[in-house]
C-alpha atoms as a PDB file:
ATOM      1  CA  MET A   1      38.039 -40.868  52.542  1.00  0.00           C
ATOM      2  CA  LEU A   2      38.360 -40.653  48.771  1.00  0.00           C
ATOM      3  CA  LYS A   3      40.451 -37.768  47.433  1.00  0.00           C
ATOM      4  CA  VAL A   4      37.984 -35.867  45.246  1.00  0.00           C
ATOM      5  CA  SER A   5      38.988 -33.208  42.736  1.00  0.00           C
ATOM      6  CA  ALA A   6      36.293 -30.548  42.303  1.00  0.00           C
ATOM      7  CA  ILE A   7      36.359 -29.384  38.683  1.00  0.00           C
ATOM      8  CA  ILE A   8      34.500 -26.120  38.139  1.00  0.00           C
ATOM      9  CA  MET A   9      33.599 -25.697  34.497  1.00  0.00           C
ATOM     10  CA  ALA A  10      33.392 -21.978  33.772  1.00  0.00           C
ATOM     11  CA  SER A  11      34.348 -21.538  30.147  1.00  0.00           C
ATOM     12  CA  GLY A  12      31.017 -21.842  28.372  1.00  0.00           C
ATOM     13  CA  CYS A  13      29.869 -19.278  25.852  1.00  0.00           C
ATOM     14  CA  SER A  14      26.470 -18.495  27.505  1.00  0.00           C
ATOM     15  CA  LEU A  15      24.803 -18.403  24.080  1.00  0.00           C
ATOM     16  CA  ARG A  16      21.232 -18.943  25.300  1.00  0.00           C
ATOM     17  CA  MET A  17      21.662 -16.340  28.057  1.00  0.00           C
ATOM     18  CA  GLY A  18      23.022 -13.709  25.699  1.00  0.00           C
ATOM     19  CA  THR A  19      25.381 -12.430  28.414  1.00  0.00           C
ATOM     20  CA  ASN A  20      28.160 -14.066  30.397  1.00  0.00           C
ATOM     21  CA  LYS A  21      26.648 -16.219  33.159  1.00  0.00           C
ATOM     22  CA  LEU A  22      29.845 -16.158  35.214  1.00  0.00           C
ATOM     23  CA  PHE A  23      29.184 -12.579  36.238  1.00  0.00           C
ATOM     24  CA  LEU A  24      25.411 -12.673  36.763  1.00  0.00           C
ATOM     25  CA  ASP A  25      24.454 -11.628  40.286  1.00  0.00           C
ATOM     26  CA  TYR A  26      22.471 -13.731  42.737  1.00  0.00           C
ATOM     27  CA  GLN A  27      22.076 -12.602  46.334  1.00  0.00           C
ATOM     28  CA  GLY A  28      25.101 -10.303  46.198  1.00  0.00           C
ATOM     29  CA  GLU A  29      27.541 -12.716  44.562  1.00  0.00           C
ATOM     30  CA  THR A  30      28.289 -13.577  40.970  1.00  0.00           C
ATOM     31  CA  PHE A  31      27.520 -17.110  39.825  1.00  0.00           C
ATOM     32  CA  LEU A  32      31.273 -17.764  39.710  1.00  0.00           C
ATOM     33  CA  GLU A  33      31.834 -16.435  43.243  1.00  0.00           C
ATOM     34  CA  ARG A  34      28.951 -18.547  44.568  1.00  0.00           C
ATOM     35  CA  THR A  35      30.396 -21.725  43.075  1.00  0.00           C
ATOM     36  CA  LEU A  36      33.921 -20.990  44.300  1.00  0.00           C
ATOM     37  CA  ASN A  37      32.639 -20.186  47.802  1.00  0.00           C
ATOM     38  CA  LEU A  38      30.482 -23.314  47.850  1.00  0.00           C
ATOM     39  CA  THR A  39      33.378 -25.589  46.931  1.00  0.00           C
ATOM     40  CA  LYS A  40      35.481 -23.995  49.688  1.00  0.00           C
ATOM     41  CA  LYS A  41      32.991 -25.256  52.297  1.00  0.00           C
ATOM     42  CA  VAL A  42      33.486 -28.885  51.296  1.00  0.00           C
ATOM     43  CA  PRO A  43      36.690 -30.843  52.022  1.00  0.00           C
ATOM     44  CA  PHE A  44      37.768 -31.424  48.448  1.00  0.00           C
ATOM     45  CA  PHE A  45      41.266 -32.749  47.814  1.00  0.00           C
ATOM     46  CA  GLU A  46      41.733 -29.959  45.266  1.00  0.00           C
ATOM     47  CA  ARG A  47      39.695 -27.379  43.387  1.00  0.00           C
ATOM     48  CA  ILE A  48      40.257 -26.769  39.677  1.00  0.00           C
ATOM     49  CA  LEU A  49      38.724 -23.893  37.714  1.00  0.00           C
ATOM     50  CA  VAL A  50      38.505 -24.371  33.943  1.00  0.00           C
ATOM     51  CA  ILE A  51      37.942 -20.928  32.442  1.00  0.00           C
ATOM     52  CA  SER A  52      38.472 -19.154  29.125  1.00  0.00           C
ATOM     53  CA  PRO A  53      41.373 -16.669  28.971  1.00  0.00           C
ATOM     54  CA  GLU A  54      39.047 -13.730  28.256  1.00  0.00           C
ATOM     55  CA  ASN A  55      36.968 -14.491  31.383  1.00  0.00           C
ATOM     56  CA  LEU A  56      40.091 -14.835  33.498  1.00  0.00           C
ATOM     57  CA  GLN A  57      41.207 -11.260  32.839  1.00  0.00           C
ATOM     58  CA  GLY A  58      40.894  -9.067  35.905  1.00  0.00           C
ATOM     59  CA  LEU A  59      39.646 -11.821  38.237  1.00  0.00           C
ATOM     60  CA  LYS A  60      41.026 -12.143  41.744  1.00  0.00           C
ATOM     61  CA  LEU A  61      41.035 -15.841  42.507  1.00  0.00           C
ATOM     62  CA  PRO A  62      41.993 -17.795  45.628  1.00  0.00           C
ATOM     63  CA  THR A  63      45.617 -18.948  45.668  1.00  0.00           C
ATOM     64  CA  ASP A  64      44.616 -22.535  46.542  1.00  0.00           C
ATOM     65  CA  LEU A  65      42.700 -22.861  43.272  1.00  0.00           C
ATOM     66  CA  LYS A  66      44.275 -24.542  40.236  1.00  0.00           C
ATOM     67  CA  VAL A  67      43.379 -22.486  37.183  1.00  0.00           C
ATOM     68  CA  VAL A  68      43.285 -24.105  33.746  1.00  0.00           C
ATOM     69  CA  GLN A  69      42.705 -21.923  30.704  1.00  0.00           C
ATOM     70  CA  ASN A  70      40.379 -23.316  28.064  1.00  0.00           C
ATOM     71  CA  THR A  71      41.226 -21.850  24.675  1.00  0.00           C
ATOM     72  CA  GLU A  72      38.804 -24.259  22.945  1.00  0.00           C
ATOM     73  CA  ALA A  73      35.564 -23.325  24.715  1.00  0.00           C
ATOM     74  CA  GLN A  74      33.752 -23.043  21.379  1.00  0.00           C
ATOM     75  CA  LYS A  75      34.178 -26.824  20.948  1.00  0.00           C
ATOM     76  CA  GLY A  76      31.705 -27.438  23.754  1.00  0.00           C
ATOM     77  CA  GLN A  77      31.686 -28.733  27.298  1.00  0.00           C
ATOM     78  CA  SER A  78      33.933 -31.659  26.414  1.00  0.00           C
ATOM     79  CA  ALA A  79      36.981 -29.361  26.226  1.00  0.00           C
ATOM     80  CA  SER A  80      36.425 -28.312  29.855  1.00  0.00           C
ATOM     81  CA  VAL A  81      35.946 -31.929  30.917  1.00  0.00           C
ATOM     82  CA  ARG A  82      39.178 -33.014  29.225  1.00  0.00           C
ATOM     83  CA  LEU A  83      41.226 -30.102  30.580  1.00  0.00           C
ATOM     84  CA  GLY A  84      39.865 -30.402  34.118  1.00  0.00           C
ATOM     85  CA  THR A  85      40.398 -34.155  34.176  1.00  0.00           C
ATOM     86  CA  LYS A  86      43.927 -33.807  32.869  1.00  0.00           C
ATOM     87  CA  ALA A  87      44.770 -31.306  35.653  1.00  0.00           C
ATOM     88  CA  ALA A  88      43.141 -33.415  38.385  1.00  0.00           C
ATOM     89  CA  THR A  89      45.221 -35.604  40.693  1.00  0.00           C
ATOM     90  CA  GLY A  90      42.423 -36.997  42.865  1.00  0.00           C
ATOM     91  CA  GLU A  91      40.861 -40.455  42.955  1.00  0.00           C
ATOM     92  CA  GLY A  92      37.569 -39.142  41.634  1.00  0.00           C
ATOM     93  CA  TYR A  93      36.260 -36.051  39.906  1.00  0.00           C
ATOM     94  CA  LEU A  94      33.209 -33.931  40.716  1.00  0.00           C
ATOM     95  CA  TYR A  95      32.241 -31.711  37.777  1.00  0.00           C
ATOM     96  CA  LEU A  96      30.317 -28.578  38.683  1.00  0.00           C
ATOM     97  CA  THR A  97      28.884 -25.936  36.388  1.00  0.00           C
ATOM     98  CA  ILE A  98      28.549 -22.337  37.513  1.00  0.00           C
ATOM     99  CA  ASP A  99      24.937 -21.993  36.361  1.00  0.00           C
ATOM    100  CA  GLN A 100      23.374 -23.683  39.422  1.00  0.00           C
ATOM    101  CA  PRO A 101      23.416 -20.734  41.835  1.00  0.00           C
ATOM    102  CA  ARG A 102      21.067 -22.451  44.311  1.00  0.00           C
ATOM    103  CA  LEU A 103      23.280 -25.518  44.702  1.00  0.00           C
ATOM    104  CA  THR A 104      24.051 -26.096  48.380  1.00  0.00           C
ATOM    105  CA  GLN A 105      26.678 -27.661  50.572  1.00  0.00           C
ATOM    106  CA  ALA A 106      24.055 -30.173  51.749  1.00  0.00           C
ATOM    107  CA  VAL A 107      23.462 -31.341  48.176  1.00  0.00           C
ATOM    108  CA  LEU A 108      27.184 -31.785  47.557  1.00  0.00           C
ATOM    109  CA  GLU A 109      27.612 -33.660  50.833  1.00  0.00           C
ATOM    110  CA  SER A 110      24.632 -35.918  50.069  1.00  0.00           C
ATOM    111  CA  LEU A 111      26.606 -37.336  47.136  1.00  0.00           C
ATOM    112  CA  PHE A 112      29.644 -38.283  49.258  1.00  0.00           C
ATOM    113  CA  SER A 113      28.276 -41.527  50.626  1.00  0.00           C
ATOM    114  CA  ALA A 114      28.182 -43.093  47.155  1.00  0.00           C
ATOM    115  CA  TYR A 115      31.641 -42.021  45.998  1.00  0.00           C
ATOM    116  CA  SER A 116      34.071 -44.740  45.012  1.00  0.00           C
ATOM    117  CA  LYS A 117      36.757 -45.173  42.377  1.00  0.00           C
ATOM    118  CA  LYS A 118      34.282 -47.294  40.365  1.00  0.00           C
ATOM    119  CA  ASN A 119      31.062 -45.252  40.630  1.00  0.00           C
ATOM    120  CA  ILE A 120      29.335 -42.480  38.740  1.00  0.00           C
ATOM    121  CA  VAL A 121      27.268 -40.445  41.200  1.00  0.00           C
ATOM    122  CA  PHE A 122      24.701 -37.770  40.411  1.00  0.00           C
ATOM    123  CA  PRO A 123      21.575 -36.218  41.898  1.00  0.00           C
ATOM    124  CA  ILE A 124      18.212 -36.831  40.281  1.00  0.00           C
ATOM    125  CA  ASP A 125      15.218 -34.527  40.088  1.00  0.00           C
ATOM    126  CA  GLN A 126      11.556 -35.416  40.700  1.00  0.00           C
ATOM    127  CA  ARG A 127      11.319 -36.993  37.237  1.00  0.00           C
ATOM    128  CA  GLU A 128      14.371 -39.203  38.016  1.00  0.00           C
ATOM    129  CA  ALA A 129      16.387 -37.262  35.411  1.00  0.00           C
ATOM    130  CA  PRO A 130      20.148 -36.987  36.021  1.00  0.00           C
ATOM    131  CA  CYS A 131      21.370 -33.542  37.065  1.00  0.00           C
ATOM    132  CA  SER A 132      24.659 -31.819  37.760  1.00  0.00           C
ATOM    133  CA  PRO A 133      26.955 -31.942  39.573  1.00  0.00           C
ATOM    134  CA  ILE A 134      28.266 -35.345  38.547  1.00  0.00           C
ATOM    135  CA  PHE A 135      31.021 -37.460  40.069  1.00  0.00           C
ATOM    136  CA  PHE A 136      33.170 -39.994  38.211  1.00  0.00           C
ATOM    137  CA  GLY A 137      35.511 -42.400  39.966  1.00  0.00           C
ATOM    138  CA  GLU A 138      39.052 -42.570  38.665  1.00  0.00           C
ATOM    139  CA  ILE A 139      38.449 -45.727  36.585  1.00  0.00           C
ATOM    140  CA  PHE A 140      36.654 -43.451  34.100  1.00  0.00           C
ATOM    141  CA  ARG A 141      39.623 -41.082  33.724  1.00  0.00           C
ATOM    142  CA  SER A 142      40.842 -42.376  30.362  1.00  0.00           C
ATOM    143  CA  GLU A 143      37.330 -42.109  28.869  1.00  0.00           C
ATOM    144  CA  LEU A 144      36.843 -38.597  30.252  1.00  0.00           C
ATOM    145  CA  LEU A 145      40.119 -37.526  28.664  1.00  0.00           C
ATOM    146  CA  LYS A 146      38.713 -38.558  25.252  1.00  0.00           C
ATOM    147  CA  VAL A 147      35.237 -36.948  25.284  1.00  0.00           C
ATOM    148  CA  THR A 148      34.314 -34.719  22.353  1.00  0.00           C
ATOM    149  CA  GLY A 149      31.453 -32.424  21.393  1.00  0.00           C
ATOM    150  CA  VAL A 150      28.984 -30.412  23.410  1.00  0.00           C
ATOM    151  CA  SER A 151      27.791 -33.104  25.814  1.00  0.00           C
ATOM    152  CA  GLY A 152      30.799 -33.305  28.125  1.00  0.00           C
ATOM    153  CA  GLY A 153      30.791 -36.419  30.293  1.00  0.00           C
ATOM    154  CA  ARG A 154      27.226 -37.508  29.424  1.00  0.00           C
ATOM    155  CA  VAL A 155      28.497 -40.062  26.930  1.00  0.00           C
ATOM    156  CA  VAL A 156      30.722 -41.672  29.562  1.00  0.00           C
ATOM    157  CA  ARG A 157      27.849 -41.656  32.052  1.00  0.00           C
ATOM    158  CA  ASN A 158      25.449 -43.209  29.562  1.00  0.00           C
ATOM    159  CA  ASN A 159      27.955 -45.930  28.614  1.00  0.00           C
ATOM    160  CA  HIS A 160      28.123 -47.199  32.213  1.00  0.00           C
ATOM    161  CA  PRO A 161      24.649 -47.508  33.811  1.00  0.00           C
ATOM    162  CA  GLU A 162      26.012 -50.351  35.972  1.00  0.00           C
ATOM    163  CA  ALA A 163      28.191 -47.766  37.781  1.00  0.00           C
ATOM    164  CA  TRP A 164      25.381 -45.278  38.469  1.00  0.00           C
ATOM    165  CA  ARG A 165      24.529 -44.222  41.990  1.00  0.00           C
ATOM    166  CA  LYS A 166      21.506 -41.925  41.840  1.00  0.00           C
ATOM    167  CA  ILE A 167      20.949 -39.626  44.809  1.00  0.00           C
ATOM    168  CA  ARG A 168      17.487 -38.209  45.406  1.00  0.00           C
ATOM    169  CA  VAL A 169      17.669 -34.603  46.597  1.00  0.00           C
ATOM    170  CA  ASP A 170      15.113 -33.211  49.056  1.00  0.00           C
ATOM    171  CA  THR A 171      15.343 -29.755  47.495  1.00  0.00           C
ATOM    172  CA  PRO A 172      15.325 -30.325  43.716  1.00  0.00           C
ATOM    173  CA  GLU A 173      15.091 -26.568  43.050  1.00  0.00           C
ATOM    174  CA  CYS A 174      18.793 -26.469  44.019  1.00  0.00           C
ATOM    175  CA  LEU A 175      19.586 -28.440  40.882  1.00  0.00           C
ATOM    176  CA  VAL A 176      18.014 -26.054  38.358  1.00  0.00           C
ATOM    177  CA  ASP A 177      20.378 -24.673  35.698  1.00  0.00           C
ATOM    178  CA  ILE A 178      19.938 -21.022  34.783  1.00  0.00           C
ATOM    179  CA  ASP A 179      20.414 -20.893  31.010  1.00  0.00           C
ATOM    180  CA  THR A 180      18.087 -18.197  29.641  1.00  0.00           C
ATOM    181  CA  PRO A 181      17.140 -14.608  30.516  1.00  0.00           C
ATOM    182  CA  ALA A 182      13.645 -15.823  31.517  1.00  0.00           C
ATOM    183  CA  GLU A 183      15.106 -18.392  33.927  1.00  0.00           C
ATOM    184  CA  TYR A 184      17.382 -15.734  35.409  1.00  0.00           C
ATOM    185  CA  GLN A 185      14.409 -13.376  35.903  1.00  0.00           C
ATOM    186  CA  THR A 186      12.512 -16.140  37.694  1.00  0.00           C
ATOM    187  CA  LEU A 187      15.547 -16.774  39.907  1.00  0.00           C
ATOM    188  CA  ILE A 188      15.996 -13.172  41.019  1.00  0.00           C
ATOM    189  CA  ASN A 189      12.264 -12.447  41.483  1.00  0.00           C
END
């Protein structure tokens, strides 16, 4: 089985939400707790949390979690991708955001069958649009270490359609990002 590093990207600025998404509550857990607990249920080689120093203050985190502080969060998602990739020692990298509180173990496991060192694997929604989380095999490491801007690994993904393995998910509502107060209200109602 491929050694997969789960990279949890939790250093965004939550600008559209207007409040920190890490600590929003859904079914008795914060978004961050939900993501950490979800990744514990899956046999990842390692789990890496990329988080800003200010969000790290006061958190009690599992001891088996590698924590990487992102002091450049304002530069966009690419900083988290670079830092998480640099810290990873696996043969592939699964990037998760914390703003998908309905993401399930079944969805994560559905991606496993397509993992390889040469593939890019991601779920698709009903419109066939790529969604998070996204997996990159280790041959993409050097490119991931060079990404810039707000788009994170999208550029690397888009440069390699020959490596894509799209996974249709039976429950596409699990893939929805919660980015705005209205979306959060819909989620909790």
